[in-house]
């Protein structure tokens, strides 16, 4: 009886590495089918809070369109709150800063954002 149990245990232990090794040779699926982010956008900083629906709309728009951005939650980041109030003269969110303070958008509108990006691109070409 002990021999039979020992034999079965040996077979199970011997088989485990074979199954594990077979799985590593299989091709792996990509994590995301999203296209790579576009790099022709200016630097984008979004000043936001987690509970703001307009902030969420901006984040979803940027993410859905693969637009790289930096999110600064002013409730969690005291330095971001200081910048929001002193440099950008705002107590409301969202505030979107394009480039090196080239364009400051208070609130989020897809059309206003796209227009501001176009203006910066045109300015850069000149």
Protein backbone atom coordinates (compact mmCIF):
# COMPACT_ATOMS: atom_id res chain seq x y z
CA UNK A 1 0.00 0.00 0.00
CA UNK A 2 2.79 2.39 0.93
CA UNK A 3 4.57 1.53 -2.33
CA UNK A 4 1.44 2.30 -4.33
CA UNK A 5 0.97 5.69 -2.63
CA UNK A 6 4.67 6.50 -3.09
CA UNK A 7 4.48 5.55 -6.77
CA UNK A 8 1.37 7.70 -7.34
CA UNK A 9 2.96 10.64 -5.52
CA UNK A 10 6.10 10.28 -7.63
CA UNK A 11 4.08 10.25 -10.86
CA UNK A 12 2.11 13.35 -9.85
CA UNK A 13 5.25 15.28 -8.87
CA UNK A 14 7.02 14.23 -12.07
CA UNK A 15 4.08 15.30 -14.23
CA UNK A 16 3.67 18.83 -12.80
CA UNK A 17 6.75 20.41 -14.44
CA UNK A 18 5.78 18.90 -17.82
CA UNK A 19 2.38 20.59 -17.73
CA UNK A 20 3.86 23.89 -16.54
CA UNK A 21 6.53 23.95 -19.26
CA UNK A 22 4.01 23.25 -22.02
CA UNK A 23 2.01 26.35 -21.08
CA UNK A 24 4.97 28.70 -21.51
CA UNK A 25 5.48 27.76 -25.16
CA UNK A 26 1.97 28.80 -26.17
CA UNK A 27 1.57 32.20 -27.85
CA UNK A 28 0.17 34.89 -25.62
CA UNK A 29 -2.60 37.26 -26.54
CA UNK A 30 -1.93 41.00 -26.36
CA UNK A 31 -3.22 42.85 -23.32
CA UNK A 32 -4.89 45.60 -25.28
CA UNK A 33 -6.04 46.09 -28.83
CA UNK A 34 -5.99 49.89 -28.48
CA UNK A 35 -3.81 51.76 -30.95
CA UNK A 36 -0.64 53.29 -29.54
CA UNK A 37 -0.96 56.80 -28.11
CA UNK A 38 -0.40 59.68 -30.49
CA UNK A 39 2.68 61.69 -29.74
CA UNK A 40 1.71 64.85 -31.59
CA UNK A 41 -0.21 66.22 -28.62
CA UNK A 42 1.23 68.90 -26.40
CA UNK A 43 1.79 68.11 -22.76
CA UNK A 44 -1.66 67.84 -21.14
CA UNK A 45 -2.23 68.22 -17.41
CA UNK A 46 -5.72 67.67 -16.03
CA UNK A 47 -6.50 69.12 -12.60
CA UNK A 48 -9.39 67.10 -11.24
CA UNK A 49 -11.15 65.44 -8.31
CA UNK A 50 -12.42 61.87 -8.23
CA UNK A 51 -16.12 62.68 -7.79
CA UNK A 52 -16.44 65.32 -10.54
CA UNK A 53 -18.51 64.12 -13.54
CA UNK A 54 -16.87 66.63 -15.91
CA UNK A 55 -13.41 65.44 -14.80
CA UNK A 56 -14.49 61.85 -15.43
CA UNK A 57 -15.75 62.85 -18.89
CA UNK A 58 -12.37 64.42 -19.72
CA UNK A 59 -10.44 61.37 -18.45
CA UNK A 60 -12.66 59.00 -20.42
CA UNK A 61 -12.28 61.10 -23.58
CA UNK A 62 -8.48 61.20 -23.27
CA UNK A 63 -8.25 57.50 -22.50
CA UNK A 64 -10.69 56.42 -25.23
CA UNK A 65 -8.77 58.46 -27.80
CA UNK A 66 -5.30 57.43 -26.58
CA UNK A 67 -4.41 61.00 -25.68
CA UNK A 68 -1.56 61.03 -23.15
CA UNK A 69 -2.28 63.17 -20.09
CA UNK A 70 -1.19 63.73 -16.52
CA UNK A 71 -3.96 63.66 -13.93
CA UNK A 72 -3.45 65.79 -10.80
CA UNK A 73 -6.14 65.13 -8.21
CA UNK A 74 -6.28 68.36 -6.20
CA UNK A 75 -7.86 66.65 -3.20
CA UNK A 76 -4.93 64.24 -2.89
CA UNK A 77 -2.10 66.51 -4.05
CA UNK A 78 -1.68 69.76 -2.06
CA UNK A 79 0.88 71.08 -4.59
CA UNK A 80 -1.65 70.62 -7.37
CA UNK A 81 -4.28 72.49 -5.35
CA UNK A 82 -1.80 75.33 -4.79
CA UNK A 83 -1.06 75.58 -8.54
CA UNK A 84 -4.75 75.42 -9.39
CA UNK A 85 -5.56 78.31 -7.08
CA UNK A 86 -2.51 80.54 -7.54
CA UNK A 87 -1.21 80.02 -11.08
CA UNK A 88 -4.49 79.18 -12.79
CA UNK A 89 -6.75 81.35 -10.59
CA UNK A 90 -9.35 78.63 -10.22
CA UNK A 91 -11.17 76.93 -7.39
CA UNK A 92 -13.16 74.69 -9.74
CA UNK A 93 -12.27 71.64 -11.76
CA UNK A 94 -11.59 70.40 -14.33
CA UNK A 95 -8.82 72.66 -15.48
CA UNK A 96 -6.80 71.43 -18.46
CA UNK A 97 -3.37 72.91 -19.11
CA UNK A 98 -1.91 72.42 -22.59
CA UNK A 99 1.79 72.74 -23.30
CA UNK A 100 3.78 74.99 -21.00
CA UNK A 101 0.73 77.01 -19.97
CA UNK A 102 0.11 77.78 -23.66
CA UNK A 103 -3.64 77.14 -23.29
CA UNK A 104 -5.69 76.90 -20.11
CA UNK A 105 -9.15 75.38 -20.39
CA UNK A 106 -11.52 75.73 -17.46
CA UNK A 107 -14.16 73.04 -17.71
CA UNK A 108 -14.22 70.30 -20.34
CA UNK A 109 -15.68 70.46 -23.79
CA UNK A 110 -14.47 68.08 -26.47
CA UNK A 111 -14.85 70.79 -29.10
CA UNK A 112 -12.97 73.42 -27.07
CA UNK A 113 -10.20 70.92 -26.34
CA UNK A 114 -9.80 69.90 -29.99
CA UNK A 115 -9.85 73.54 -31.09
CA UNK A 116 -7.13 74.45 -28.56
CA UNK A 117 -4.95 71.52 -29.71
CA UNK A 118 -5.39 72.56 -33.36
CA UNK A 119 -4.42 76.14 -32.52
CA UNK A 120 -1.27 74.96 -30.74
CA UNK A 121 -0.32 72.69 -33.63
CA UNK A 122 -0.78 75.52 -36.12
CA UNK A 123 1.24 77.87 -33.94
CA UNK A 124 4.01 75.26 -33.70
CA UNK A 125 4.20 74.95 -37.52
CA UNK A 126 4.90 78.66 -37.96
